[in-house]
Amino acid sequence: MSFLAVPLLKLGFSQAKKYKNKRDIKKQQDAGVYPQPFEDNYPLSGYPPGAAPGTTIDYTPESKRAKLRFMLNAALRFLQFVFGLTVIGLYGREVRHDHKYNHTWHSQWVYALVASFLATVTALVCLVKPFIMRKLGATSAPNPIMILSHFVWEFVLCVLWLALFGVFGKLYIGVYPKEDASDASRVDRMRHAVWVDIINLGFWVVSASWILLRWLKSRKGDVADAEKGQI
């Protein structure tokens, strides 16, 4: 029996030692020496693609107001893009007609195509860019200089649309004699194009005004930060 006593004593001593260690660890955790177990609030699956070690990531959840603003901006840019293509189609038909019959291209048609093309491309870029930035997880603060430059460009587009409406409104708003059926359809088409021009002007005034408000807000933020730094 003595040959069994020694192993049993060793087993009992090891078990007592393990129990004592577990009890000591529990006491230290209760006392706050060791951090309590916590849930993984920031799983690796939530990291943006291509995030390098040391990258500062904003985990602030997007508010409903920000989501609504994003959706309204996307809807406005989509309408600008669609109505810009409509203007290109309406005036492009006249340019194609002049080219087909070897007529001299009228400067107003060319101006309408250039203005609507610039606006349509701008709307497409502004429509796609936010989706790309959200996909890449970019959360950098807006640059006031870039916002101001964007506003200046959209203001130029507003002037182009205003001039376009003025030129063709003067030509086709009113009562004009219609020589034949083809001339009548052309006048009606150009009258419709004038109202599409004014709709485009309204869209771009809204977007330019919104960008101006963003710039003023960013300026106020810079002034507030500067004042805090001086205190």
C-alpha atoms as a PDB file:
ATOM      1  CA  MET A   1       0.000   0.000   0.000  1.00  0.00           C
ATOM      2  CA  SER A   2       2.926   2.312   0.609  1.00  0.00           C
ATOM      3  CA  PHE A   3       3.763   2.400  -3.099  1.00  0.00           C
ATOM      4  CA  LEU A   4       0.269   3.930  -3.726  1.00  0.00           C
ATOM      5  CA  ALA A   5       0.525   6.545  -1.002  1.00  0.00           C
ATOM      6  CA  VAL A   6       3.271   8.558  -2.672  1.00  0.00           C
ATOM      7  CA  PRO A   7       1.450   9.042  -6.035  1.00  0.00           C
ATOM      8  CA  LEU A   8      -1.788   9.905  -4.253  1.00  0.00           C
ATOM      9  CA  LEU A   9      -0.048  12.538  -2.153  1.00  0.00           C
ATOM     10  CA  LYS A  10       1.546  14.043  -5.264  1.00  0.00           C
ATOM     11  CA  LEU A  11      -1.838  14.127  -7.066  1.00  0.00           C
ATOM     12  CA  GLY A  12      -3.578  15.722  -4.104  1.00  0.00           C
ATOM     13  CA  PHE A  13      -0.831  18.337  -3.763  1.00  0.00           C
ATOM     14  CA  SER A  14      -1.008  19.280  -7.471  1.00  0.00           C
ATOM     15  CA  GLN A  15      -4.805  19.565  -7.386  1.00  0.00           C
ATOM     16  CA  ALA A  16      -4.667  21.737  -4.284  1.00  0.00           C
ATOM     17  CA  LYS A  17      -2.086  23.943  -5.942  1.00  0.00           C
ATOM     18  CA  LYS A  18      -4.244  24.379  -9.084  1.00  0.00           C
ATOM     19  CA  TYR A  19      -7.278  25.212  -6.987  1.00  0.00           C
ATOM     20  CA  LYS A  20      -5.297  27.794  -5.023  1.00  0.00           C
ATOM     21  CA  ASN A  21      -4.026  29.414  -8.252  1.00  0.00           C
ATOM     22  CA  LYS A  22      -7.544  29.663  -9.697  1.00  0.00           C
ATOM     23  CA  ARG A  23      -8.815  31.217  -6.468  1.00  0.00           C
ATOM     24  CA  ASP A  24      -5.987  33.766  -6.443  1.00  0.00           C
ATOM     25  CA  ILE A  25      -6.668  34.739 -10.081  1.00  0.00           C
ATOM     26  CA  LYS A  26     -10.380  35.200  -9.367  1.00  0.00           C
ATOM     27  CA  LYS A  27      -9.582  37.431  -6.371  1.00  0.00           C
ATOM     28  CA  GLN A  28      -7.250  39.559  -8.514  1.00  0.00           C
ATOM     29  CA  GLN A  29      -9.883  39.911 -11.257  1.00  0.00           C
ATOM     30  CA  ASP A  30     -12.485  40.953  -8.713  1.00  0.00           C
ATOM     31  CA  ALA A  31     -10.033  43.490  -7.309  1.00  0.00           C
ATOM     32  CA  GLY A  32      -9.481  44.939 -10.813  1.00  0.00           C
ATOM     33  CA  VAL A  33      -5.893  43.846 -11.214  1.00  0.00           C
ATOM     34  CA  TYR A  34      -6.696  41.964 -14.428  1.00  0.00           C
ATOM     35  CA  PRO A  35      -9.108  43.371 -17.058  1.00  0.00           C
ATOM     36  CA  GLN A  36     -12.509  41.775 -17.106  1.00  0.00           C
ATOM     37  CA  PRO A  37     -13.453  39.758 -20.175  1.00  0.00           C
ATOM     38  CA  PHE A  38     -15.064  41.983 -22.804  1.00  0.00           C
ATOM     39  CA  GLU A  39     -16.928  41.494 -26.037  1.00  0.00           C
ATOM     40  CA  ASP A  40     -15.256  42.125 -29.364  1.00  0.00           C
ATOM     41  CA  ASN A  41     -16.982  45.377 -30.248  1.00  0.00           C
ATOM     42  CA  TYR A  42     -14.713  46.021 -33.221  1.00  0.00           C
ATOM     43  CA  PRO A  43     -14.336  42.755 -35.160  1.00  0.00           C
ATOM     44  CA  LEU A  44     -11.783  42.599 -37.953  1.00  0.00           C
ATOM     45  CA  SER A  45     -14.591  42.167 -40.467  1.00  0.00           C
ATOM     46  CA  GLY A  46     -15.654  45.749 -39.757  1.00  0.00           C
ATOM     47  CA  TYR A  47     -12.324  47.248 -40.798  1.00  0.00           C
ATOM     48  CA  PRO A  48     -12.294  49.042 -44.173  1.00  0.00           C
ATOM     49  CA  PRO A  49     -10.446  47.275 -46.998  1.00  0.00           C
ATOM     50  CA  GLY A  50      -6.736  48.058 -47.129  1.00  0.00           C
ATOM     51  CA  ALA A  51      -6.564  49.565 -43.628  1.00  0.00           C
ATOM     52  CA  ALA A  52      -2.903  49.549 -42.624  1.00  0.00           C
ATOM     53  CA  PRO A  53      -1.690  49.117 -39.026  1.00  0.00           C
ATOM     54  CA  GLY A  54      -1.916  52.408 -37.166  1.00  0.00           C
ATOM     55  CA  THR A  55      -4.729  53.746 -39.356  1.00  0.00           C
ATOM     56  CA  THR A  56      -7.161  55.938 -37.441  1.00  0.00           C
ATOM     57  CA  ILE A  57     -10.655  54.606 -38.026  1.00  0.00           C
ATOM     58  CA  ASP A  58     -13.830  56.420 -37.079  1.00  0.00           C
ATOM     59  CA  TYR A  59     -16.304  53.967 -35.562  1.00  0.00           C
ATOM     60  CA  THR A  60     -18.976  56.596 -34.967  1.00  0.00           C
ATOM     61  CA  PRO A  61     -22.197  55.155 -36.403  1.00  0.00           C
ATOM     62  CA  GLU A  62     -23.701  57.141 -39.246  1.00  0.00           C
ATOM     63  CA  SER A  63     -26.727  59.111 -38.098  1.00  0.00           C
ATOM     64  CA  LYS A  64     -30.110  58.995 -39.799  1.00  0.00           C
ATOM     65  CA  ARG A  65     -29.658  62.636 -40.740  1.00  0.00           C
ATOM     66  CA  ALA A  66     -26.387  61.856 -42.515  1.00  0.00           C
ATOM     67  CA  LYS A  67     -27.995  58.948 -44.376  1.00  0.00           C
ATOM     68  CA  LEU A  68     -30.899  61.141 -45.444  1.00  0.00           C
ATOM     69  CA  ARG A  69     -28.507  63.835 -46.619  1.00  0.00           C
ATOM     70  CA  PHE A  70     -26.566  61.250 -48.624  1.00  0.00           C
ATOM     71  CA  MET A  71     -29.735  59.947 -50.275  1.00  0.00           C
ATOM     72  CA  LEU A  72     -31.009  63.436 -51.140  1.00  0.00           C
ATOM     73  CA  ASN A  73     -27.659  64.376 -52.644  1.00  0.00           C
ATOM     74  CA  ALA A  74     -27.626  61.187 -54.739  1.00  0.00           C
ATOM     75  CA  ALA A  75     -31.190  61.851 -55.936  1.00  0.00           C
ATOM     76  CA  LEU A  76     -30.360  65.445 -56.899  1.00  0.00           C
ATOM     77  CA  ARG A  77     -27.234  64.438 -58.796  1.00  0.00           C
ATOM     78  CA  PHE A  78     -29.147  61.702 -60.589  1.00  0.00           C
ATOM     79  CA  LEU A  79     -31.783  64.212 -61.730  1.00  0.00           C
ATOM     80  CA  GLN A  80     -29.057  66.594 -62.888  1.00  0.00           C
ATOM     81  CA  PHE A  81     -27.476  63.800 -64.888  1.00  0.00           C
ATOM     82  CA  VAL A  82     -30.750  62.671 -66.503  1.00  0.00           C
ATOM     83  CA  PHE A  83     -31.932  66.181 -67.401  1.00  0.00           C
ATOM     84  CA  GLY A  84     -28.460  67.041 -68.699  1.00  0.00           C
ATOM     85  CA  LEU A  85     -28.632  64.073 -71.066  1.00  0.00           C
ATOM     86  CA  THR A  86     -32.100  65.228 -72.117  1.00  0.00           C
ATOM     87  CA  VAL A  87     -30.765  68.633 -73.137  1.00  0.00           C
ATOM     88  CA  ILE A  88     -27.911  67.009 -75.049  1.00  0.00           C
ATOM     89  CA  GLY A  89     -30.444  64.906 -76.940  1.00  0.00           C
ATOM     90  CA  LEU A  90     -32.732  67.846 -77.744  1.00  0.00           C
ATOM     91  CA  TYR A  91     -30.070  70.214 -79.034  1.00  0.00           C
ATOM     92  CA  GLY A  92     -27.912  67.460 -80.478  1.00  0.00           C
ATOM     93  CA  ARG A  93     -30.747  66.654 -82.845  1.00  0.00           C
ATOM     94  CA  GLU A  94     -30.530  70.155 -84.305  1.00  0.00           C
ATOM     95  CA  VAL A  95     -26.762  69.925 -84.713  1.00  0.00           C
ATOM     96  CA  ARG A  96     -27.137  66.536 -86.392  1.00  0.00           C
ATOM     97  CA  HIS A  97     -29.756  68.032 -88.734  1.00  0.00           C
ATOM     98  CA  ASP A  98     -27.427  70.877 -89.741  1.00  0.00           C
ATOM     99  CA  HIS A  99     -24.560  68.448 -90.266  1.00  0.00           C
ATOM    100  CA  LYS A 100     -26.716  66.119 -92.373  1.00  0.00           C
ATOM    101  CA  TYR A 101     -27.775  68.866 -94.780  1.00  0.00           C
ATOM    102  CA  ASN A 102     -24.388  70.628 -94.745  1.00  0.00           C
ATOM    103  CA  HIS A 103     -25.779  73.690 -93.025  1.00  0.00           C
ATOM    104  CA  THR A 104     -23.641  76.022 -90.985  1.00  0.00           C
ATOM    105  CA  TRP A 105     -23.642  75.056 -87.340  1.00  0.00           C
ATOM    106  CA  HIS A 106     -25.367  77.727 -85.311  1.00  0.00           C
ATOM    107  CA  SER A 107     -23.381  78.959 -82.335  1.00  0.00           C
ATOM    108  CA  GLN A 108     -26.345  78.598 -79.960  1.00  0.00           C
ATOM    109  CA  TRP A 109     -26.604  74.866 -80.674  1.00  0.00           C
ATOM    110  CA  VAL A 110     -22.894  74.356 -80.035  1.00  0.00           C
ATOM    111  CA  TYR A 111     -23.072  76.418 -76.840  1.00  0.00           C
ATOM    112  CA  ALA A 112     -26.035  74.364 -75.605  1.00  0.00           C
ATOM    113  CA  LEU A 113     -24.166  71.100 -76.212  1.00  0.00           C
ATOM    114  CA  VAL A 114     -20.989  72.295 -74.480  1.00  0.00           C
ATOM    115  CA  ALA A 115     -22.839  73.664 -71.440  1.00  0.00           C
ATOM    116  CA  SER A 116     -25.031  70.577 -71.026  1.00  0.00           C
ATOM    117  CA  PHE A 117     -22.058  68.247 -71.529  1.00  0.00           C
ATOM    118  CA  LEU A 118     -20.020  69.957 -68.797  1.00  0.00           C
ATOM    119  CA  ALA A 119     -22.986  69.857 -66.429  1.00  0.00           C
ATOM    120  CA  THR A 120     -23.757  66.198 -67.166  1.00  0.00           C
ATOM    121  CA  VAL A 121     -20.172  65.082 -66.589  1.00  0.00           C
ATOM    122  CA  THR A 122     -20.043  67.059 -63.335  1.00  0.00           C
ATOM    123  CA  ALA A 123     -23.299  65.493 -62.154  1.00  0.00           C
ATOM    124  CA  LEU A 124     -22.006  62.016 -62.977  1.00  0.00           C
ATOM    125  CA  VAL A 125     -18.778  62.578 -61.022  1.00  0.00           C
ATOM    126  CA  CYS A 126     -20.673  63.998 -58.024  1.00  0.00           C
ATOM    127  CA  LEU A 127     -23.076  61.054 -58.176  1.00  0.00           C
ATOM    128  CA  VAL A 128     -20.436  58.315 -58.269  1.00  0.00           C
ATOM    129  CA  LYS A 129     -17.773  59.819 -55.976  1.00  0.00           C
ATOM    130  CA  PRO A 130     -19.700  59.516 -52.638  1.00  0.00           C
ATOM    131  CA  PHE A 131     -20.441  55.844 -53.296  1.00  0.00           C
ATOM    132  CA  ILE A 132     -16.760  55.171 -53.994  1.00  0.00           C
ATOM    133  CA  MET A 133     -15.671  57.060 -50.865  1.00  0.00           C
ATOM    134  CA  ARG A 134     -18.154  55.103 -48.720  1.00  0.00           C
ATOM    135  CA  LYS A 135     -16.961  51.840 -50.270  1.00  0.00           C
ATOM    136  CA  LEU A 136     -13.350  52.691 -49.420  1.00  0.00           C
ATOM    137  CA  GLY A 137     -14.347  53.734 -45.901  1.00  0.00           C
ATOM    138  CA  ALA A 138     -12.934  57.260 -46.248  1.00  0.00           C
ATOM    139  CA  THR A 139     -14.075  59.470 -43.347  1.00  0.00           C
ATOM    140  CA  SER A 140     -11.741  62.452 -43.657  1.00  0.00           C
ATOM    141  CA  ALA A 141     -13.065  65.903 -42.792  1.00  0.00           C
ATOM    142  CA  PRO A 142     -14.017  68.120 -45.754  1.00  0.00           C
ATOM    143  CA  ASN A 143     -11.350  70.540 -46.934  1.00  0.00           C
ATOM    144  CA  PRO A 144     -12.700  74.133 -47.025  1.00  0.00           C
ATOM    145  CA  ILE A 145     -10.529  74.990 -50.041  1.00  0.00           C
ATOM    146  CA  MET A 146     -11.861  72.034 -52.026  1.00  0.00           C
ATOM    147  CA  ILE A 147     -15.429  72.876 -51.042  1.00  0.00           C
ATOM    148  CA  LEU A 148     -14.936  76.480 -52.163  1.00  0.00           C
ATOM    149  CA  SER A 149     -13.454  75.341 -55.485  1.00  0.00           C
ATOM    150  CA  HIS A 150     -16.436  73.034 -55.985  1.00  0.00           C
ATOM    151  CA  PHE A 151     -18.826  75.884 -55.287  1.00  0.00           C
ATOM    152  CA  VAL A 152     -17.071  78.164 -57.786  1.00  0.00           C
ATOM    153  CA  TRP A 153     -17.380  75.506 -60.501  1.00  0.00           C
ATOM    154  CA  GLU A 154     -21.060  74.907 -59.796  1.00  0.00           C
ATOM    155  CA  PHE A 155     -21.651  78.665 -59.794  1.00  0.00           C
ATOM    156  CA  VAL A 156     -20.100  78.775 -63.282  1.00  0.00           C
ATOM    157  CA  LEU A 157     -22.481  76.000 -64.359  1.00  0.00           C
ATOM    158  CA  CYS A 158     -25.420  77.994 -62.977  1.00  0.00           C
ATOM    159  CA  VAL A 159     -24.339  80.968 -65.090  1.00  0.00           C
ATOM    160  CA  LEU A 160     -24.072  78.732 -68.170  1.00  0.00           C
ATOM    161  CA  TRP A 161     -27.587  77.375 -67.633  1.00  0.00           C
ATOM    162  CA  LEU A 162     -28.943  80.869 -67.044  1.00  0.00           C
ATOM    163  CA  ALA A 163     -27.385  82.122 -70.280  1.00  0.00           C
ATOM    164  CA  LEU A 164     -28.697  79.070 -72.130  1.00  0.00           C
ATOM    165  CA  PHE A 165     -32.214  79.710 -70.879  1.00  0.00           C
ATOM    166  CA  GLY A 166     -31.949  83.378 -71.828  1.00  0.00           C
ATOM    167  CA  VAL A 167     -30.759  82.670 -75.378  1.00  0.00           C
ATOM    168  CA  PHE A 168     -33.353  80.045 -76.279  1.00  0.00           C
ATOM    169  CA  GLY A 169     -36.113  81.644 -74.240  1.00  0.00           C
ATOM    170  CA  LYS A 170     -35.731  84.770 -76.327  1.00  0.00           C
ATOM    171  CA  LEU A 171     -35.869  82.710 -79.508  1.00  0.00           C
ATOM    172  CA  TYR A 172     -38.730  80.328 -78.771  1.00  0.00           C
ATOM    173  CA  ILE A 173     -40.913  81.687 -75.961  1.00  0.00           C
ATOM    174  CA  GLY A 174     -43.764  83.552 -77.582  1.00  0.00           C
ATOM    175  CA  VAL A 175     -45.957  83.271 -80.671  1.00  0.00           C
ATOM    176  CA  TYR A 176     -44.127  82.616 -83.935  1.00  0.00           C
ATOM    177  CA  PRO A 177     -45.438  81.760 -87.414  1.00  0.00           C
ATOM    178  CA  LYS A 178     -45.031  78.140 -88.446  1.00  0.00           C
ATOM    179  CA  GLU A 179     -44.307  77.694 -92.124  1.00  0.00           C
ATOM    180  CA  ASP A 180     -44.760  73.919 -92.374  1.00  0.00           C
ATOM    181  CA  ALA A 181     -45.192  70.818 -90.240  1.00  0.00           C
ATOM    182  CA  SER A 182     -41.454  70.237 -89.812  1.00  0.00           C
ATOM    183  CA  ASP A 183     -40.951  73.826 -88.693  1.00  0.00           C
ATOM    184  CA  ALA A 184     -43.859  73.502 -86.261  1.00  0.00           C
ATOM    185  CA  SER A 185     -42.410  70.350 -84.681  1.00  0.00           C
ATOM    186  CA  ARG A 186     -39.004  72.006 -84.381  1.00  0.00           C
ATOM    187  CA  VAL A 187     -40.424  75.063 -82.620  1.00  0.00           C
ATOM    188  CA  ASP A 188     -42.419  72.889 -80.233  1.00  0.00           C
ATOM    189  CA  ARG A 189     -39.354  70.801 -79.476  1.00  0.00           C
ATOM    190  CA  MET A 190     -37.242  73.870 -78.760  1.00  0.00           C
ATOM    191  CA  ARG A 191     -39.949  75.308 -76.511  1.00  0.00           C
ATOM    192  CA  HIS A 192     -39.870  72.109 -74.494  1.00  0.00           C
ATOM    193  CA  ALA A 193     -36.087  72.338 -74.394  1.00  0.00           C
ATOM    194  CA  VAL A 194     -36.317  75.852 -72.901  1.00  0.00           C
ATOM    195  CA  TRP A 195     -38.349  74.563 -69.965  1.00  0.00           C
ATOM    196  CA  VAL A 196     -35.903  71.712 -69.468  1.00  0.00           C
ATOM    197  CA  ASP A 197     -33.161  74.364 -69.356  1.00  0.00           C
ATOM    198  CA  ILE A 198     -34.893  76.240 -66.538  1.00  0.00           C
ATOM    199  CA  ILE A 199     -35.392  72.977 -64.619  1.00  0.00           C
ATOM    200  CA  ASN A 200     -31.677  72.271 -64.939  1.00  0.00           C
ATOM    201  CA  LEU A 201     -30.924  75.774 -63.736  1.00  0.00           C
ATOM    202  CA  GLY A 202     -33.061  75.156 -60.649  1.00  0.00           C
ATOM    203  CA  PHE A 203     -31.287  71.875 -59.879  1.00  0.00           C
ATOM    204  CA  TRP A 204     -27.851  73.468 -60.114  1.00  0.00           C
ATOM    205  CA  VAL A 205     -28.837  76.478 -58.024  1.00  0.00           C
ATOM    206  CA  VAL A 206     -29.951  74.092 -55.277  1.00  0.00           C
ATOM    207  CA  SER A 207     -26.724  72.068 -55.353  1.00  0.00           C
ATOM    208  CA  ALA A 208     -24.530  75.183 -55.509  1.00  0.00           C
ATOM    209  CA  SER A 209     -26.397  76.708 -52.554  1.00  0.00           C
ATOM    210  CA  TRP A 210     -25.930  73.525 -50.543  1.00  0.00           C
ATOM    211  CA  ILE A 211     -22.182  73.504 -51.246  1.00  0.00           C
ATOM    212  CA  LEU A 212     -21.978  77.171 -50.220  1.00  0.00           C
ATOM    213  CA  LEU A 213     -23.647  76.314 -46.907  1.00  0.00           C
ATOM    214  CA  ARG A 214     -21.159  73.474 -46.393  1.00  0.00           C
ATOM    215  CA  TRP A 215     -18.280  75.869 -47.001  1.00  0.00           C
ATOM    216  CA  LEU A 216     -19.659  78.429 -44.541  1.00  0.00           C
ATOM    217  CA  LYS A 217     -20.106  75.684 -41.967  1.00  0.00           C
ATOM    218  CA  SER A 218     -16.534  74.465 -42.460  1.00  0.00           C
ATOM    219  CA  ARG A 219     -15.282  78.044 -42.095  1.00  0.00           C
ATOM    220  CA  LYS A 220     -17.113  78.398 -38.795  1.00  0.00           C
ATOM    221  CA  GLY A 221     -15.521  75.176 -37.617  1.00  0.00           C
ATOM    222  CA  ASP A 222     -12.040  76.456 -38.519  1.00  0.00           C
ATOM    223  CA  VAL A 223     -12.647  79.743 -36.690  1.00  0.00           C
ATOM    224  CA  ALA A 224     -13.883  77.907 -33.600  1.00  0.00           C
ATOM    225  CA  ASP A 225     -10.812  75.632 -33.613  1.00  0.00           C
ATOM    226  CA  ALA A 226      -8.517  78.652 -33.972  1.00  0.00           C
ATOM    227  CA  GLU A 227     -10.183  80.388 -31.030  1.00  0.00           C
ATOM    228  CA  LYS A 228      -9.795  77.289 -28.883  1.00  0.00           C
ATOM    229  CA  GLY A 229      -6.112  77.171 -29.753  1.00  0.00           C
ATOM    230  CA  GLN A 230      -5.625  80.765 -28.621  1.00  0.00           C
ATOM    231  CA  ILE A 231      -7.282  80.225 -25.230  1.00  0.00           C
END
